[in-house]
Amino acid sequence: MKPSIKNINAYTIVALIIFIAGLLLYLTWGLRYNVWADVGIYSITIILVLGGLLGAILSLTFEKTEEEQE
């Protein structure tokens, strides 16, 4: 199944918010503490960014059921 913009729903929006939160967390942490190579912040950022990306892709690839289309 191909991702389609027609399938945007609440799950897609939440996934994109999580993705953006991961990027913002890394940028704000780096700017505030001037530490760009930290294993701890990498681990949190990777979980948020990959979770957001995979969640958005999965939520866009599922087809709507007959009840949702009506």
PDB file of N, CA and C in Angstrom:
ATOM      1  N   MET A   1       0.833  -1.189   0.000  1.00  0.00           N
ATOM      2  CA  MET A   1       0.000   0.000   0.000  1.00  0.00           C
ATOM      3  C   MET A   1       0.877   1.252   0.000  1.00  0.00           C
ATOM      4  N   LYS A   2       0.479   2.225  -0.763  1.00  0.00           N
ATOM      5  CA  LYS A   2       1.214   3.482  -0.806  1.00  0.00           C
ATOM      6  C   LYS A   2       0.638   4.464   0.207  1.00  0.00           C
ATOM      7  N   PRO A   3       1.507   5.254   0.851  1.00  0.00           N
ATOM      8  CA  PRO A   3       0.980   6.311   1.732  1.00  0.00           C
ATOM      9  C   PRO A   3       0.170   7.313   0.928  1.00  0.00           C
ATOM     10  N   SER A   4      -0.921   7.744   1.506  1.00  0.00           N
ATOM     11  CA  SER A   4      -1.790   8.695   0.825  1.00  0.00           C
ATOM     12  C   SER A   4      -2.151   9.832   1.772  1.00  0.00           C
ATOM     13  N   ILE A   5      -2.159  11.037   1.244  1.00  0.00           N
ATOM     14  CA  ILE A   5      -2.522  12.215   2.042  1.00  0.00           C
ATOM     15  C   ILE A   5      -3.995  12.139   2.462  1.00  0.00           C
ATOM     16  N   LYS A   6      -4.796  11.395   1.727  1.00  0.00           N
ATOM     17  CA  LYS A   6      -6.224  11.266   2.051  1.00  0.00           C
ATOM     18  C   LYS A   6      -6.444  10.527   3.371  1.00  0.00           C
ATOM     19  N   ASN A   7      -5.434   9.797   3.830  1.00  0.00           N
ATOM     20  CA  ASN A   7      -5.572   8.998   5.048  1.00  0.00           C
ATOM     21  C   ASN A   7      -5.134   9.724   6.316  1.00  0.00           C
ATOM     22  N   ILE A   8      -4.927  11.022   6.267  1.00  0.00           N
ATOM     23  CA  ILE A   8      -4.504  11.758   7.463  1.00  0.00           C
ATOM     24  C   ILE A   8      -5.610  11.690   8.518  1.00  0.00           C
ATOM     25  N   ASN A   9      -5.212  11.300   9.723  1.00  0.00           N
ATOM     26  CA  ASN A   9      -6.157  11.219  10.837  1.00  0.00           C
ATOM     27  C   ASN A   9      -5.444  11.658  12.120  1.00  0.00           C
ATOM     28  N   ALA A  10      -6.068  11.433  13.245  1.00  0.00           N
ATOM     29  CA  ALA A  10      -5.503  11.871  14.523  1.00  0.00           C
ATOM     30  C   ALA A  10      -4.177  11.168  14.820  1.00  0.00           C
ATOM     31  N   TYR A  11      -4.054   9.894  14.447  1.00  0.00           N
ATOM     32  CA  TYR A  11      -2.813   9.164  14.693  1.00  0.00           C
ATOM     33  C   TYR A  11      -1.656   9.782  13.916  1.00  0.00           C
ATOM     34  N   THR A  12      -1.919  10.220  12.699  1.00  0.00           N
ATOM     35  CA  THR A  12      -0.882  10.854  11.892  1.00  0.00           C
ATOM     36  C   THR A  12      -0.426  12.155  12.531  1.00  0.00           C
ATOM     37  N   ILE A  13      -1.361  12.935  13.014  1.00  0.00           N
ATOM     38  CA  ILE A  13      -1.030  14.214  13.635  1.00  0.00           C
ATOM     39  C   ILE A  13      -0.219  14.006  14.911  1.00  0.00           C
ATOM     40  N   VAL A  14      -0.613  13.031  15.720  1.00  0.00           N
ATOM     41  CA  VAL A  14       0.133  12.730  16.949  1.00  0.00           C
ATOM     42  C   VAL A  14       1.542  12.254  16.608  1.00  0.00           C
ATOM     43  N   ALA A  15       1.682  11.427  15.594  1.00  0.00           N
ATOM     44  CA  ALA A  15       2.996  10.934  15.189  1.00  0.00           C
ATOM     45  C   ALA A  15       3.886  12.080  14.715  1.00  0.00           C
ATOM     46  N   LEU A  16       3.337  13.014  13.972  1.00  0.00           N
ATOM     47  CA  LEU A  16       4.126  14.144  13.508  1.00  0.00           C
ATOM     48  C   LEU A  16       4.516  15.073  14.660  1.00  0.00           C
ATOM     49  N   ILE A  17       3.642  15.221  15.640  1.00  0.00           N
ATOM     50  CA  ILE A  17       3.973  16.019  16.821  1.00  0.00           C
ATOM     51  C   ILE A  17       5.122  15.365  17.595  1.00  0.00           C
ATOM     52  N   ILE A  18       5.097  14.034  17.715  1.00  0.00           N
ATOM     53  CA  ILE A  18       6.178  13.321  18.398  1.00  0.00           C
ATOM     54  C   ILE A  18       7.488  13.479  17.632  1.00  0.00           C
ATOM     55  N   PHE A  19       7.425  13.414  16.301  1.00  0.00           N
ATOM     56  CA  PHE A  19       8.611  13.601  15.468  1.00  0.00           C
ATOM     57  C   PHE A  19       9.205  14.993  15.677  1.00  0.00           C
ATOM     58  N   ILE A  20       8.365  16.010  15.635  1.00  0.00           N
ATOM     59  CA  ILE A  20       8.828  17.391  15.816  1.00  0.00           C
ATOM     60  C   ILE A  20       9.357  17.596  17.237  1.00  0.00           C
ATOM     61  N   ALA A  21       8.712  16.960  18.221  1.00  0.00           N
ATOM     62  CA  ALA A  21       9.183  17.072  19.604  1.00  0.00           C
ATOM     63  C   ALA A  21      10.585  16.493  19.750  1.00  0.00           C
ATOM     64  N   GLY A  22      10.865  15.390  19.066  1.00  0.00           N
ATOM     65  CA  GLY A  22      12.203  14.806  19.111  1.00  0.00           C
ATOM     66  C   GLY A  22      13.254  15.734  18.539  1.00  0.00           C
ATOM     67  N   LEU A  23      12.948  16.354  17.408  1.00  0.00           N
ATOM     68  CA  LEU A  23      13.891  17.288  16.803  1.00  0.00           C
ATOM     69  C   LEU A  23      14.093  18.523  17.680  1.00  0.00           C
ATOM     70  N   LEU A  24      12.999  19.065  18.209  1.00  0.00           N
ATOM     71  CA  LEU A  24      13.101  20.243  19.072  1.00  0.00           C
ATOM     72  C   LEU A  24      13.853  19.943  20.363  1.00  0.00           C
ATOM     73  N   LEU A  25      13.635  18.753  20.917  1.00  0.00           N
ATOM     74  CA  LEU A  25      14.358  18.366  22.130  1.00  0.00           C
ATOM     75  C   LEU A  25      15.857  18.360  21.881  1.00  0.00           C
ATOM     76  N   TYR A  26      16.282  17.756  20.766  1.00  0.00           N
ATOM     77  CA  TYR A  26      17.714  17.696  20.453  1.00  0.00           C
ATOM     78  C   TYR A  26      18.289  19.094  20.239  1.00  0.00           C
ATOM     79  N   LEU A  27      17.576  19.926  19.488  1.00  0.00           N
ATOM     80  CA  LEU A  27      18.080  21.282  19.226  1.00  0.00           C
ATOM     81  C   LEU A  27      18.139  22.135  20.483  1.00  0.00           C
ATOM     82  N   THR A  28      17.089  22.104  21.297  1.00  0.00           N
ATOM     83  CA  THR A  28      17.091  22.924  22.502  1.00  0.00           C
ATOM     84  C   THR A  28      18.134  22.431  23.506  1.00  0.00           C
ATOM     85  N   TRP A  29      18.288  21.116  23.613  1.00  0.00           N
ATOM     86  CA  TRP A  29      19.293  20.572  24.521  1.00  0.00           C
ATOM     87  C   TRP A  29      20.692  20.996  24.079  1.00  0.00           C
ATOM     88  N   GLY A  30      20.944  20.901  22.777  1.00  0.00           N
ATOM     89  CA  GLY A  30      22.260  21.279  22.253  1.00  0.00           C
ATOM     90  C   GLY A  30      22.544  22.761  22.423  1.00  0.00           C
ATOM     91  N   LEU A  31      21.554  23.595  22.162  1.00  0.00           N
ATOM     92  CA  LEU A  31      21.754  25.035  22.303  1.00  0.00           C
ATOM     93  C   LEU A  31      21.881  25.459  23.762  1.00  0.00           C
ATOM     94  N   ARG A  32      21.102  24.838  24.624  1.00  0.00           N
ATOM     95  CA  ARG A  32      21.120  25.248  26.033  1.00  0.00           C
ATOM     96  C   ARG A  32      22.400  24.805  26.745  1.00  0.00           C
ATOM     97  N   TYR A  33      22.792  23.543  26.532  1.00  0.00           N
ATOM     98  CA  TYR A  33      23.939  23.003  27.260  1.00  0.00           C
ATOM     99  C   TYR A  33      25.209  22.932  26.411  1.00  0.00           C
ATOM    100  N   ASN A  34      25.124  23.310  25.144  1.00  0.00           N
ATOM    101  CA  ASN A  34      26.253  23.310  24.226  1.00  0.00           C
ATOM    102  C   ASN A  34      26.920  21.933  24.162  1.00  0.00           C
ATOM    103  N   VAL A  35      26.089  20.889  24.194  1.00  0.00           N
ATOM    104  CA  VAL A  35      26.559  19.506  24.101  1.00  0.00           C
ATOM    105  C   VAL A  35      25.830  18.859  22.933  1.00  0.00           C
ATOM    106  N   TRP A  36      26.563  18.576  21.854  1.00  0.00           N
ATOM    107  CA  TRP A  36      25.938  18.009  20.660  1.00  0.00           C
ATOM    108  C   TRP A  36      26.219  16.516  20.539  1.00  0.00           C
ATOM    109  N   ALA A  37      27.170  15.986  21.274  1.00  0.00           N
ATOM    110  CA  ALA A  37      27.505  14.561  21.200  1.00  0.00           C
ATOM    111  C   ALA A  37      27.295  13.944  22.576  1.00  0.00           C
ATOM    112  N   ASP A  38      26.056  13.593  22.870  1.00  0.00           N
ATOM    113  CA  ASP A  38      25.715  13.019  24.161  1.00  0.00           C
ATOM    114  C   ASP A  38      24.863  11.776  23.917  1.00  0.00           C
ATOM    115  N   VAL A  39      25.295  10.654  24.441  1.00  0.00           N
ATOM    116  CA  VAL A  39      24.602   9.392  24.207  1.00  0.00           C
ATOM    117  C   VAL A  39      23.189   9.422  24.789  1.00  0.00           C
ATOM    118  N   GLY A  40      22.998  10.061  25.911  1.00  0.00           N
ATOM    119  CA  GLY A  40      21.687  10.108  26.545  1.00  0.00           C
ATOM    120  C   GLY A  40      20.659  10.836  25.702  1.00  0.00           C
ATOM    121  N   ILE A  41      21.021  11.992  25.179  1.00  0.00           N
ATOM    122  CA  ILE A  41      20.061  12.746  24.374  1.00  0.00           C
ATOM    123  C   ILE A  41      19.854  12.077  23.022  1.00  0.00           C
ATOM    124  N   TYR A  42      20.887  11.397  22.504  1.00  0.00           N
ATOM    125  CA  TYR A  42      20.720  10.631  21.266  1.00  0.00           C
ATOM    126  C   TYR A  42      19.662   9.552  21.433  1.00  0.00           C
ATOM    127  N   SER A  43      19.725   8.832  22.551  1.00  0.00           N
ATOM    128  CA  SER A  43      18.796   7.718  22.745  1.00  0.00           C
ATOM    129  C   SER A  43      17.352   8.204  22.835  1.00  0.00           C
ATOM    130  N   ILE A  44      17.126   9.305  23.518  1.00  0.00           N
ATOM    131  CA  ILE A  44      15.771   9.842  23.616  1.00  0.00           C
ATOM    132  C   ILE A  44      15.307  10.387  22.270  1.00  0.00           C
ATOM    133  N   THR A  45      16.192  11.084  21.572  1.00  0.00           N
ATOM    134  CA  THR A  45      15.845  11.661  20.277  1.00  0.00           C
ATOM    135  C   THR A  45      15.534  10.578  19.258  1.00  0.00           C
ATOM    136  N   ILE A  46      16.317   9.512  19.228  1.00  0.00           N
ATOM    137  CA  ILE A  46      16.084   8.434  18.267  1.00  0.00           C
ATOM    138  C   ILE A  46      14.733   7.783  18.497  1.00  0.00           C
ATOM    139  N   ILE A  47      14.377   7.563  19.747  1.00  0.00           N
ATOM    140  CA  ILE A  47      13.079   6.953  20.046  1.00  0.00           C
ATOM    141  C   ILE A  47      11.945   7.855  19.568  1.00  0.00           C
ATOM    142  N   LEU A  48      12.042   9.151  19.842  1.00  0.00           N
ATOM    143  CA  LEU A  48      10.980  10.069  19.437  1.00  0.00           C
ATOM    144  C   LEU A  48      10.910  10.232  17.919  1.00  0.00           C
ATOM    145  N   VAL A  49      12.044  10.424  17.281  1.00  0.00           N
ATOM    146  CA  VAL A  49      12.047  10.656  15.832  1.00  0.00           C
ATOM    147  C   VAL A  49      11.604   9.412  15.073  1.00  0.00           C
ATOM    148  N   LEU A  50      12.174   8.256  15.403  1.00  0.00           N
ATOM    149  CA  LEU A  50      11.777   7.039  14.701  1.00  0.00           C
ATOM    150  C   LEU A  50      10.327   6.655  15.008  1.00  0.00           C
ATOM    151  N   GLY A  51       9.912   6.840  16.246  1.00  0.00           N
ATOM    152  CA  GLY A  51       8.514   6.571  16.587  1.00  0.00           C
ATOM    153  C   GLY A  51       7.562   7.464  15.814  1.00  0.00           C
ATOM    154  N   GLY A  52       7.923   8.736  15.688  1.00  0.00           N
ATOM    155  CA  GLY A  52       7.085   9.653  14.929  1.00  0.00           C
ATOM    156  C   GLY A  52       7.052   9.321  13.454  1.00  0.00           C
ATOM    157  N   LEU A  53       8.207   9.013  12.876  1.00  0.00           N
ATOM    158  CA  LEU A  53       8.257   8.670  11.457  1.00  0.00           C
ATOM    159  C   LEU A  53       7.501   7.378  11.152  1.00  0.00           C
ATOM    160  N   LEU A  54       7.777   6.342  11.918  1.00  0.00           N
ATOM    161  CA  LEU A  54       7.105   5.069  11.680  1.00  0.00           C
ATOM    162  C   LEU A  54       5.601   5.170  11.947  1.00  0.00           C
ATOM    163  N   GLY A  55       5.233   5.910  12.964  1.00  0.00           N
ATOM    164  CA  GLY A  55       3.804   6.097  13.239  1.00  0.00           C
ATOM    165  C   GLY A  55       3.099   6.829  12.124  1.00  0.00           C
ATOM    166  N   ALA A  56       3.733   7.843  11.576  1.00  0.00           N
ATOM    167  CA  ALA A  56       3.125   8.589  10.470  1.00  0.00           C
ATOM    168  C   ALA A  56       3.017   7.715   9.227  1.00  0.00           C
ATOM    169  N   ILE A  57       4.060   6.968   8.925  1.00  0.00           N
ATOM    170  CA  ILE A  57       4.017   6.099   7.743  1.00  0.00           C
ATOM    171  C   ILE A  57       2.954   5.024   7.898  1.00  0.00           C
ATOM    172  N   LEU A  58       2.897   4.407   9.068  1.00  0.00           N
ATOM    173  CA  LEU A  58       1.890   3.371   9.278  1.00  0.00           C
ATOM    174  C   LEU A  58       0.471   3.922   9.225  1.00  0.00           C
ATOM    175  N   SER A  59       0.256   5.080   9.808  1.00  0.00           N
ATOM    176  CA  SER A  59      -1.103   5.633   9.825  1.00  0.00           C
ATOM    177  C   SER A  59      -1.529   6.108   8.435  1.00  0.00           C
ATOM    178  N   LEU A  60      -0.586   6.443   7.573  1.00  0.00           N
ATOM    179  CA  LEU A  60      -0.938   6.866   6.218  1.00  0.00           C
ATOM    180  C   LEU A  60      -1.142   5.690   5.266  1.00  0.00           C
ATOM    181  N   THR A  61      -0.603   4.521   5.588  1.00  0.00           N
ATOM    182  CA  THR A  61      -0.710   3.396   4.667  1.00  0.00           C
ATOM    183  C   THR A  61      -1.966   2.565   4.874  1.00  0.00           C
ATOM    184  N   PHE A  62      -2.576   2.626   6.033  1.00  0.00           N
ATOM    185  CA  PHE A  62      -3.781   1.836   6.259  1.00  0.00           C
ATOM    186  C   PHE A  62      -4.944   2.418   5.482  1.00  0.00           C
ATOM    187  N   GLU A  63      -5.732   1.530   4.878  1.00  0.00           N
ATOM    188  CA  GLU A  63      -6.917   1.972   4.153  1.00  0.00           C
ATOM    189  C   GLU A  63      -8.066   2.148   5.130  1.00  0.00           C
ATOM    190  N   LYS A  64      -8.947   3.073   4.804  1.00  0.00           N
ATOM    191  CA  LYS A  64     -10.105   3.307   5.642  1.00  0.00           C
ATOM    192  C   LYS A  64     -11.126   2.191   5.468  1.00  0.00           C
ATOM    193  N   THR A  65     -11.810   1.870   6.561  1.00  0.00           N
ATOM    194  CA  THR A  65     -12.866   0.877   6.469  1.00  0.00           C
ATOM    195  C   THR A  65     -14.128   1.502   5.900  1.00  0.00           C
ATOM    196  N   GLU A  66     -15.114   0.698   5.647  1.00  0.00           N
ATOM    197  CA  GLU A  66     -16.368   1.206   5.071  1.00  0.00           C
ATOM    198  C   GLU A  66     -17.054   2.184   6.023  1.00  0.00           C
ATOM    199  N   GLU A  67     -16.955   1.925   7.331  1.00  0.00           N
ATOM    200  CA  GLU A  67     -17.590   2.807   8.307  1.00  0.00           C
ATOM    201  C   GLU A  67     -16.914   4.166   8.338  1.00  0.00           C
ATOM    202  N   GLU A  68     -15.596   4.211   8.208  1.00  0.00           N
ATOM    203  CA  GLU A  68     -14.866   5.477   8.237  1.00  0.00           C
ATOM    204  C   GLU A  68     -15.071   6.276   6.975  1.00  0.00           C
ATOM    205  N   GLN A  69     -15.330   5.617   5.858  1.00  0.00           N
ATOM    206  CA  GLN A  69     -15.511   6.320   4.598  1.00  0.00           C
ATOM    207  C   GLN A  69     -16.842   7.050   4.525  1.00  0.00           C
ATOM    208  N   GLU A  70     -17.812   6.591   5.271  1.00  0.00           N
ATOM    209  CA  GLU A  70     -19.154   7.201   5.231  1.00  0.00           C
ATOM    210  C   GLU A  70     -19.277   8.437   6.043  1.00  0.00           C
TER     211      GLU A  70
END
